[in-house]
N, C-alpha and C. Protein backbone atom coordinates (compact mmCIF):
# COMPACT_ATOMS: atom_id res chain seq x y z
N MET A 1 8.07 30.58 18.06
CA MET A 1 8.74 29.47 18.71
C MET A 1 8.77 28.28 17.75
N ARG A 2 9.92 27.70 17.60
CA ARG A 2 10.10 26.58 16.68
C ARG A 2 9.76 25.27 17.38
N ARG A 3 8.97 24.44 16.69
CA ARG A 3 8.61 23.14 17.24
C ARG A 3 9.77 22.17 17.07
N PRO A 4 9.97 21.28 18.03
CA PRO A 4 11.06 20.30 17.88
C PRO A 4 10.77 19.35 16.72
N GLN A 5 11.81 18.95 16.04
CA GLN A 5 11.69 18.03 14.91
C GLN A 5 11.94 16.60 15.39
N PRO A 6 11.04 15.67 15.08
CA PRO A 6 11.29 14.28 15.45
C PRO A 6 12.56 13.78 14.75
N PHE A 7 13.31 12.93 15.41
CA PHE A 7 14.53 12.34 14.87
C PHE A 7 15.56 13.39 14.49
N GLY A 8 15.41 14.62 14.94
CA GLY A 8 16.40 15.65 14.68
C GLY A 8 16.20 16.41 13.38
N SER A 9 15.60 15.80 12.39
CA SER A 9 15.38 16.52 11.13
C SER A 9 14.25 15.86 10.36
N ARG A 10 13.62 16.64 9.51
CA ARG A 10 12.54 16.10 8.68
C ARG A 10 13.05 15.00 7.76
N LYS A 11 14.25 15.18 7.26
CA LYS A 11 14.82 14.20 6.33
C LYS A 11 14.97 12.84 7.01
N ARG A 12 15.53 12.84 8.23
CA ARG A 12 15.70 11.57 8.94
C ARG A 12 14.35 10.99 9.35
N PHE A 13 13.40 11.84 9.72
CA PHE A 13 12.07 11.37 10.07
C PHE A 13 11.42 10.70 8.88
N ALA A 14 11.51 11.32 7.70
CA ALA A 14 10.94 10.73 6.48
C ALA A 14 11.62 9.41 6.16
N ALA A 15 12.93 9.35 6.33
CA ALA A 15 13.66 8.10 6.07
C ALA A 15 13.21 7.00 7.02
N ALA A 16 12.98 7.37 8.29
CA ALA A 16 12.50 6.38 9.26
C ALA A 16 11.12 5.88 8.88
N LEU A 17 10.25 6.77 8.42
CA LEU A 17 8.92 6.35 8.00
C LEU A 17 8.97 5.47 6.77
N GLU A 18 9.86 5.76 5.83
CA GLU A 18 9.98 4.93 4.64
C GLU A 18 10.35 3.51 5.04
N PHE A 19 11.28 3.38 5.96
CA PHE A 19 11.65 2.05 6.44
C PHE A 19 10.47 1.44 7.18
N ALA A 20 9.81 2.24 7.98
CA ALA A 20 8.70 1.74 8.78
C ALA A 20 7.53 1.29 7.93
N LEU A 21 7.32 1.89 6.76
CA LEU A 21 6.20 1.49 5.91
C LEU A 21 6.33 0.03 5.53
N ALA A 22 7.49 -0.39 5.06
CA ALA A 22 7.69 -1.78 4.69
C ALA A 22 7.52 -2.69 5.90
N ALA A 23 8.08 -2.30 7.04
CA ALA A 23 7.95 -3.10 8.26
C ALA A 23 6.50 -3.17 8.72
N ALA A 24 5.80 -2.06 8.66
CA ALA A 24 4.40 -2.04 9.07
C ALA A 24 3.55 -2.92 8.17
N LEU A 25 3.79 -2.87 6.87
CA LEU A 25 3.04 -3.70 5.94
C LEU A 25 3.34 -5.18 6.15
N ALA A 26 4.56 -5.49 6.51
CA ALA A 26 4.94 -6.88 6.73
C ALA A 26 4.18 -7.49 7.90
N HIS A 27 3.82 -6.67 8.87
CA HIS A 27 3.15 -7.17 10.08
C HIS A 27 1.72 -6.67 10.22
N LEU A 28 1.14 -6.23 9.14
CA LEU A 28 -0.17 -5.56 9.19
C LEU A 28 -1.28 -6.39 9.83
N PRO A 29 -1.60 -7.56 9.33
CA PRO A 29 -2.76 -8.25 9.90
C PRO A 29 -2.40 -8.95 11.21
N ALA A 30 -2.54 -8.24 12.30
CA ALA A 30 -2.17 -8.78 13.61
C ALA A 30 -3.08 -9.95 14.01
N GLU A 31 -4.38 -9.77 13.86
CA GLU A 31 -5.33 -10.83 14.21
C GLU A 31 -5.94 -11.34 12.92
N ARG A 32 -5.37 -12.40 12.41
CA ARG A 32 -5.83 -12.89 11.12
C ARG A 32 -6.17 -14.37 11.20
N LYS A 33 -6.99 -14.79 10.27
CA LYS A 33 -7.39 -16.19 10.19
C LYS A 33 -6.95 -16.77 8.85
N PHE A 34 -5.84 -16.27 8.34
CA PHE A 34 -5.32 -16.74 7.06
C PHE A 34 -3.80 -16.66 7.08
N ALA A 35 -3.18 -17.41 6.18
CA ALA A 35 -1.72 -17.33 6.03
C ALA A 35 -1.40 -16.03 5.30
N TYR A 36 -0.36 -15.33 5.74
CA TYR A 36 -0.02 -14.02 5.18
C TYR A 36 1.42 -14.02 4.72
N ASP A 37 1.62 -13.72 3.44
CA ASP A 37 2.96 -13.62 2.87
C ASP A 37 3.19 -12.18 2.44
N PHE A 38 4.37 -11.66 2.72
CA PHE A 38 4.73 -10.30 2.33
C PHE A 38 6.03 -10.34 1.55
N SER A 39 6.05 -9.67 0.40
CA SER A 39 7.29 -9.55 -0.36
C SER A 39 7.51 -8.09 -0.71
N CYS A 40 8.78 -7.72 -0.72
CA CYS A 40 9.14 -6.32 -0.93
C CYS A 40 10.50 -6.28 -1.62
N ASP A 41 10.67 -5.34 -2.54
CA ASP A 41 11.98 -5.16 -3.17
C ASP A 41 13.04 -4.93 -2.10
N ASP A 42 14.19 -5.57 -2.25
CA ASP A 42 15.27 -5.42 -1.27
C ASP A 42 15.71 -3.97 -1.08
N SER A 43 15.73 -3.22 -2.16
CA SER A 43 16.24 -1.84 -2.09
C SER A 43 15.12 -0.81 -1.95
N LEU A 44 13.93 -1.24 -1.56
CA LEU A 44 12.79 -0.32 -1.51
C LEU A 44 13.07 0.89 -0.63
N GLU A 45 13.60 0.67 0.57
CA GLU A 45 13.82 1.79 1.48
C GLU A 45 14.80 2.80 0.91
N GLU A 46 15.76 2.33 0.15
CA GLU A 46 16.76 3.22 -0.43
C GLU A 46 16.21 4.01 -1.61
N ARG A 47 15.23 3.44 -2.31
CA ARG A 47 14.75 4.04 -3.55
C ARG A 47 13.42 4.77 -3.41
N LEU A 48 12.65 4.45 -2.38
CA LEU A 48 11.31 5.00 -2.23
C LEU A 48 11.35 6.41 -1.67
N ALA A 49 10.56 7.29 -2.26
CA ALA A 49 10.49 8.68 -1.79
C ALA A 49 9.03 9.10 -1.69
N LEU A 50 8.33 8.53 -0.73
CA LEU A 50 6.94 8.93 -0.47
C LEU A 50 6.93 9.80 0.78
N ALA A 51 6.23 10.91 0.70
CA ALA A 51 6.10 11.80 1.86
C ALA A 51 5.44 11.03 3.00
N PRO A 52 5.74 11.40 4.24
CA PRO A 52 5.14 10.71 5.38
C PRO A 52 3.61 10.62 5.32
N GLY A 53 2.95 11.69 4.88
CA GLY A 53 1.49 11.66 4.77
C GLY A 53 1.01 10.68 3.72
N VAL A 54 1.76 10.56 2.64
CA VAL A 54 1.42 9.60 1.58
C VAL A 54 1.60 8.18 2.11
N GLN A 55 2.68 7.95 2.83
CA GLN A 55 2.91 6.62 3.40
C GLN A 55 1.78 6.23 4.36
N MET A 56 1.33 7.19 5.15
CA MET A 56 0.23 6.90 6.07
C MET A 56 -1.03 6.53 5.30
N GLN A 57 -1.31 7.24 4.21
CA GLN A 57 -2.49 6.91 3.40
C GLN A 57 -2.35 5.52 2.79
N VAL A 58 -1.16 5.17 2.30
CA VAL A 58 -0.93 3.83 1.75
C VAL A 58 -1.20 2.79 2.83
N TYR A 59 -0.67 3.02 4.02
CA TYR A 59 -0.88 2.08 5.13
C TYR A 59 -2.37 1.93 5.44
N ARG A 60 -3.08 3.04 5.52
CA ARG A 60 -4.52 3.00 5.82
C ARG A 60 -5.31 2.30 4.71
N ILE A 61 -4.91 2.51 3.47
CA ILE A 61 -5.57 1.83 2.35
C ILE A 61 -5.39 0.31 2.50
N VAL A 62 -4.17 -0.11 2.78
CA VAL A 62 -3.91 -1.55 2.93
C VAL A 62 -4.66 -2.09 4.14
N GLN A 63 -4.70 -1.32 5.21
CA GLN A 63 -5.45 -1.74 6.40
C GLN A 63 -6.91 -2.02 6.04
N GLU A 64 -7.53 -1.12 5.30
CA GLU A 64 -8.93 -1.30 4.90
C GLU A 64 -9.08 -2.48 3.95
N ALA A 65 -8.14 -2.63 3.02
CA ALA A 65 -8.21 -3.75 2.07
C ALA A 65 -8.10 -5.09 2.81
N VAL A 66 -7.19 -5.18 3.78
CA VAL A 66 -7.05 -6.41 4.56
C VAL A 66 -8.29 -6.63 5.41
N SER A 67 -8.85 -5.57 5.95
CA SER A 67 -10.09 -5.67 6.72
C SER A 67 -11.22 -6.23 5.85
N ASN A 68 -11.28 -5.78 4.60
CA ASN A 68 -12.29 -6.30 3.68
C ASN A 68 -12.08 -7.79 3.42
N VAL A 69 -10.83 -8.21 3.29
CA VAL A 69 -10.54 -9.63 3.11
C VAL A 69 -11.04 -10.41 4.32
N CYS A 70 -10.76 -9.90 5.52
CA CYS A 70 -11.19 -10.58 6.75
C CYS A 70 -12.71 -10.68 6.83
N ARG A 71 -13.41 -9.61 6.46
CA ARG A 71 -14.87 -9.57 6.59
C ARG A 71 -15.61 -10.31 5.49
N HIS A 72 -15.08 -10.28 4.28
CA HIS A 72 -15.87 -10.74 3.15
C HIS A 72 -15.31 -11.93 2.37
N ALA A 73 -14.01 -12.09 2.32
CA ALA A 73 -13.42 -13.06 1.39
C ALA A 73 -13.38 -14.49 1.90
N HIS A 74 -13.29 -14.66 3.21
CA HIS A 74 -13.12 -16.01 3.78
C HIS A 74 -11.92 -16.70 3.16
N ALA A 75 -10.82 -15.98 3.08
CA ALA A 75 -9.60 -16.47 2.44
C ALA A 75 -8.76 -17.32 3.39
N ALA A 76 -8.03 -18.27 2.82
CA ALA A 76 -7.07 -19.07 3.58
C ALA A 76 -5.66 -18.48 3.44
N HIS A 77 -5.40 -17.81 2.31
CA HIS A 77 -4.08 -17.24 2.05
C HIS A 77 -4.22 -15.82 1.50
N VAL A 78 -3.35 -14.94 1.99
CA VAL A 78 -3.29 -13.56 1.50
C VAL A 78 -1.83 -13.24 1.23
N ARG A 79 -1.57 -12.60 0.09
CA ARG A 79 -0.20 -12.22 -0.26
C ARG A 79 -0.19 -10.73 -0.58
N LEU A 80 0.76 -10.03 0.04
CA LEU A 80 0.95 -8.60 -0.22
C LEU A 80 2.34 -8.41 -0.80
N GLY A 81 2.40 -7.76 -1.95
CA GLY A 81 3.68 -7.48 -2.59
C GLY A 81 3.82 -6.00 -2.85
N VAL A 82 5.03 -5.49 -2.65
CA VAL A 82 5.32 -4.08 -2.89
C VAL A 82 6.51 -4.02 -3.84
N HIS A 83 6.37 -3.22 -4.89
CA HIS A 83 7.42 -3.14 -5.92
C HIS A 83 7.57 -1.70 -6.37
N LEU A 84 8.79 -1.31 -6.64
CA LEU A 84 9.09 0.01 -7.20
C LEU A 84 9.86 -0.23 -8.49
N ASP A 85 9.25 0.09 -9.63
CA ASP A 85 9.92 -0.20 -10.90
C ASP A 85 10.90 0.91 -11.28
N ASP A 86 11.63 0.67 -12.36
CA ASP A 86 12.66 1.62 -12.79
C ASP A 86 12.10 2.95 -13.25
N ALA A 87 10.82 2.99 -13.59
CA ALA A 87 10.18 4.25 -14.00
C ALA A 87 9.69 5.04 -12.79
N GLY A 88 9.83 4.46 -11.59
CA GLY A 88 9.42 5.15 -10.37
C GLY A 88 7.99 4.90 -9.96
N THR A 89 7.35 3.89 -10.54
CA THR A 89 5.97 3.57 -10.16
C THR A 89 5.98 2.59 -8.99
N PHE A 90 5.33 3.00 -7.91
CA PHE A 90 5.16 2.18 -6.71
C PHE A 90 3.90 1.35 -6.93
N THR A 91 4.02 0.04 -6.86
CA THR A 91 2.87 -0.85 -7.05
C THR A 91 2.73 -1.74 -5.84
N LEU A 92 1.55 -1.74 -5.27
CA LEU A 92 1.23 -2.58 -4.13
C LEU A 92 0.13 -3.52 -4.59
N THR A 93 0.33 -4.82 -4.42
CA THR A 93 -0.65 -5.82 -4.85
C THR A 93 -1.04 -6.68 -3.67
N LEU A 94 -2.33 -6.78 -3.41
CA LEU A 94 -2.87 -7.62 -2.34
C LEU A 94 -3.75 -8.68 -3.01
N GLU A 95 -3.38 -9.95 -2.84
CA GLU A 95 -4.12 -11.04 -3.46
C GLU A 95 -4.63 -11.98 -2.38
N ASP A 96 -5.84 -12.50 -2.57
CA ASP A 96 -6.36 -13.51 -1.65
C ASP A 96 -6.96 -14.66 -2.45
N ASP A 97 -7.18 -15.78 -1.77
CA ASP A 97 -7.78 -16.94 -2.42
C ASP A 97 -9.21 -17.17 -1.93
N GLY A 98 -9.87 -16.10 -1.58
CA GLY A 98 -11.23 -16.19 -1.03
C GLY A 98 -12.31 -16.31 -2.10
N ARG A 99 -13.48 -15.79 -1.78
CA ARG A 99 -14.66 -15.95 -2.63
C ARG A 99 -14.63 -15.15 -3.91
N GLY A 100 -13.76 -14.19 -4.00
CA GLY A 100 -13.72 -13.37 -5.21
C GLY A 100 -14.50 -12.09 -5.03
N PHE A 101 -14.39 -11.25 -6.01
CA PHE A 101 -14.99 -9.92 -5.96
C PHE A 101 -15.90 -9.79 -7.16
N ASP A 102 -17.17 -9.58 -6.92
CA ASP A 102 -18.14 -9.46 -8.01
C ASP A 102 -18.22 -8.01 -8.45
N SER A 103 -17.45 -7.66 -9.48
CA SER A 103 -17.43 -6.27 -9.94
C SER A 103 -18.74 -5.88 -10.62
N ALA A 104 -19.57 -6.84 -10.96
CA ALA A 104 -20.87 -6.53 -11.56
C ALA A 104 -21.89 -6.15 -10.48
N ASN A 105 -21.58 -6.47 -9.23
CA ASN A 105 -22.48 -6.17 -8.12
C ASN A 105 -22.33 -4.70 -7.73
N ARG A 106 -23.27 -3.88 -8.14
CA ARG A 106 -23.21 -2.43 -7.89
C ARG A 106 -23.14 -2.12 -6.39
N LYS A 107 -23.85 -2.91 -5.58
CA LYS A 107 -23.84 -2.67 -4.14
C LYS A 107 -22.44 -2.87 -3.56
N ALA A 108 -21.74 -3.90 -4.02
CA ALA A 108 -20.38 -4.16 -3.54
C ALA A 108 -19.44 -3.02 -3.91
N LEU A 109 -19.62 -2.46 -5.08
CA LEU A 109 -18.75 -1.38 -5.55
C LEU A 109 -18.97 -0.08 -4.80
N LYS A 110 -20.11 0.07 -4.15
CA LYS A 110 -20.43 1.32 -3.46
C LYS A 110 -20.25 1.23 -1.95
N GLY A 111 -19.61 0.18 -1.47
CA GLY A 111 -19.41 0.03 -0.04
C GLY A 111 -18.57 1.16 0.54
N ARG A 112 -18.77 1.44 1.82
CA ARG A 112 -18.01 2.52 2.47
C ARG A 112 -16.52 2.25 2.47
N GLY A 113 -16.14 0.99 2.66
CA GLY A 113 -14.71 0.66 2.68
C GLY A 113 -14.05 0.95 1.35
N LEU A 114 -14.71 0.55 0.27
CA LEU A 114 -14.14 0.80 -1.07
C LEU A 114 -14.14 2.29 -1.39
N ALA A 115 -15.19 2.98 -0.97
CA ALA A 115 -15.24 4.43 -1.20
C ALA A 115 -14.11 5.12 -0.44
N GLY A 116 -13.85 4.66 0.77
CA GLY A 116 -12.75 5.23 1.56
C GLY A 116 -11.40 4.97 0.91
N ILE A 117 -11.23 3.77 0.37
CA ILE A 117 -9.99 3.44 -0.33
C ILE A 117 -9.82 4.34 -1.55
N ARG A 118 -10.89 4.50 -2.32
CA ARG A 118 -10.82 5.37 -3.51
C ARG A 118 -10.50 6.81 -3.11
N ALA A 119 -11.12 7.29 -2.05
CA ALA A 119 -10.89 8.67 -1.61
C ALA A 119 -9.44 8.87 -1.16
N ARG A 120 -8.92 7.93 -0.38
CA ARG A 120 -7.53 8.03 0.07
C ARG A 120 -6.57 7.97 -1.12
N ALA A 121 -6.85 7.08 -2.07
CA ALA A 121 -6.00 6.97 -3.26
C ALA A 121 -6.02 8.27 -4.05
N SER A 122 -7.18 8.88 -4.16
CA SER A 122 -7.29 10.15 -4.88
C SER A 122 -6.47 11.24 -4.20
N LEU A 123 -6.47 11.24 -2.87
CA LEU A 123 -5.70 12.24 -2.11
C LEU A 123 -4.21 12.17 -2.42
N ILE A 124 -3.71 10.97 -2.68
CA ILE A 124 -2.27 10.81 -2.92
C ILE A 124 -1.96 10.62 -4.41
N GLU A 125 -2.95 10.88 -5.25
CA GLU A 125 -2.80 10.77 -6.70
C GLU A 125 -2.35 9.37 -7.11
N ALA A 126 -3.02 8.37 -6.54
CA ALA A 126 -2.75 6.97 -6.86
C ALA A 126 -3.98 6.38 -7.55
N GLU A 127 -3.78 5.28 -8.22
CA GLU A 127 -4.87 4.56 -8.87
C GLU A 127 -5.08 3.25 -8.13
N VAL A 128 -6.35 2.83 -8.02
CA VAL A 128 -6.65 1.54 -7.40
C VAL A 128 -7.58 0.75 -8.32
N GLU A 129 -7.47 -0.57 -8.23
CA GLU A 129 -8.36 -1.43 -9.00
C GLU A 129 -8.53 -2.75 -8.26
N TRP A 130 -9.66 -3.39 -8.51
CA TRP A 130 -9.95 -4.71 -7.98
C TRP A 130 -10.31 -5.60 -9.16
N ARG A 131 -9.89 -6.84 -9.10
CA ARG A 131 -10.32 -7.80 -10.12
C ARG A 131 -10.36 -9.19 -9.49
N THR A 132 -11.16 -10.04 -10.09
CA THR A 132 -11.28 -11.41 -9.62
C THR A 132 -10.19 -12.26 -10.27
N ARG A 133 -9.55 -13.09 -9.47
CA ARG A 133 -8.53 -14.00 -9.99
C ARG A 133 -9.20 -15.17 -10.69
N ALA A 134 -8.60 -15.64 -11.76
CA ALA A 134 -9.15 -16.77 -12.51
C ALA A 134 -9.29 -18.01 -11.63
N GLU A 135 -8.33 -18.22 -10.73
CA GLU A 135 -8.36 -19.40 -9.86
C GLU A 135 -9.15 -19.15 -8.57
N GLY A 136 -9.83 -18.03 -8.48
CA GLY A 136 -10.63 -17.68 -7.30
C GLY A 136 -9.91 -16.65 -6.45
N GLY A 137 -10.68 -15.83 -5.79
CA GLY A 137 -10.11 -14.80 -4.95
C GLY A 137 -10.10 -13.45 -5.66
N THR A 138 -9.48 -12.50 -5.01
CA THR A 138 -9.47 -11.12 -5.49
C THR A 138 -8.04 -10.59 -5.53
N VAL A 139 -7.79 -9.71 -6.48
CA VAL A 139 -6.53 -8.98 -6.56
C VAL A 139 -6.86 -7.50 -6.41
N PHE A 140 -6.21 -6.84 -5.46
CA PHE A 140 -6.33 -5.39 -5.28
C PHE A 140 -4.97 -4.80 -5.64
N VAL A 141 -4.98 -3.75 -6.47
CA VAL A 141 -3.73 -3.12 -6.90
C VAL A 141 -3.81 -1.62 -6.65
N LEU A 142 -2.75 -1.07 -6.06
CA LEU A 142 -2.59 0.38 -5.89
C LEU A 142 -1.32 0.76 -6.65
N ARG A 143 -1.44 1.80 -7.49
CA ARG A 143 -0.27 2.30 -8.23
C ARG A 143 -0.10 3.79 -7.97
N LYS A 144 1.13 4.16 -7.68
CA LYS A 144 1.48 5.57 -7.45
C LYS A 144 2.71 5.88 -8.27
N LYS A 145 2.55 6.80 -9.21
CA LYS A 145 3.68 7.18 -10.06
C LYS A 145 4.59 8.18 -9.34
N SER A 146 5.79 8.31 -9.85
CA SER A 146 6.79 9.27 -9.33
C SER A 146 7.05 9.07 -7.85
N ALA A 147 7.36 7.84 -7.46
CA ALA A 147 7.58 7.52 -6.06
C ALA A 147 9.03 7.23 -5.72
N TRP A 148 9.93 7.35 -6.68
CA TRP A 148 11.32 6.99 -6.43
C TRP A 148 12.16 8.21 -6.13
N LYS A 149 13.27 7.95 -5.48
CA LYS A 149 14.24 9.01 -5.22
C LYS A 149 15.05 9.20 -6.48
N LYS A 150 15.11 10.41 -6.93
CA LYS A 150 15.89 10.71 -8.12
C LYS A 150 17.35 10.87 -7.74
N GLU A 151 18.20 10.55 -8.68
CA GLU A 151 19.63 10.77 -8.47
C GLU A 151 19.87 12.27 -8.38
N PRO A 152 20.68 12.74 -7.44
CA PRO A 152 20.93 14.18 -7.33
C PRO A 152 21.69 14.69 -8.55
N THR A 153 21.34 15.87 -8.97
CA THR A 153 22.06 16.50 -10.08
C THR A 153 23.39 17.02 -9.55
N ASP A 154 24.28 17.42 -10.46
CA ASP A 154 25.57 17.97 -10.04
C ASP A 154 25.38 19.20 -9.15
N ALA A 155 24.38 20.02 -9.46
CA ALA A 155 24.12 21.23 -8.67
C ALA A 155 23.64 20.90 -7.26
N GLU A 156 22.96 19.74 -7.09
CA GLU A 156 22.44 19.35 -5.79
C GLU A 156 23.49 18.66 -4.92
N ARG A 157 24.59 18.25 -5.51
CA ARG A 157 25.62 17.52 -4.74
C ARG A 157 26.47 18.45 -3.94
């Protein structure tokens, strides 16, 4: 017995999720105590080709990163940017103006939240990094290569 496909087809379902990822990230911190800015490439939905499971992992990673900002940073401003470059690398940057991130603190680096972020990133073959901003606060970056929709070849048209 065949299971029904959401939105009529997997392709349309994936397209809906790609659009939903940007929308979900734009409204992520529902209960926040800081100003939140979101920026995204205008053509992201048209160019992004992340599988639905990968998109969910990206969303969960950002959820945990924002949760860490809420719990630890005491930030007044948080900015989330999403960019897809011409080489197909998806880059998500979360910056805050809070207390900063002490990368020398071994205990901070071994927290469950950070371990969960690293594990999720590994599942989707993405890289993550944290660094302290010179003017204070923390920058979190997630990079995922080969995330763009390729132009169809003549044989695929």
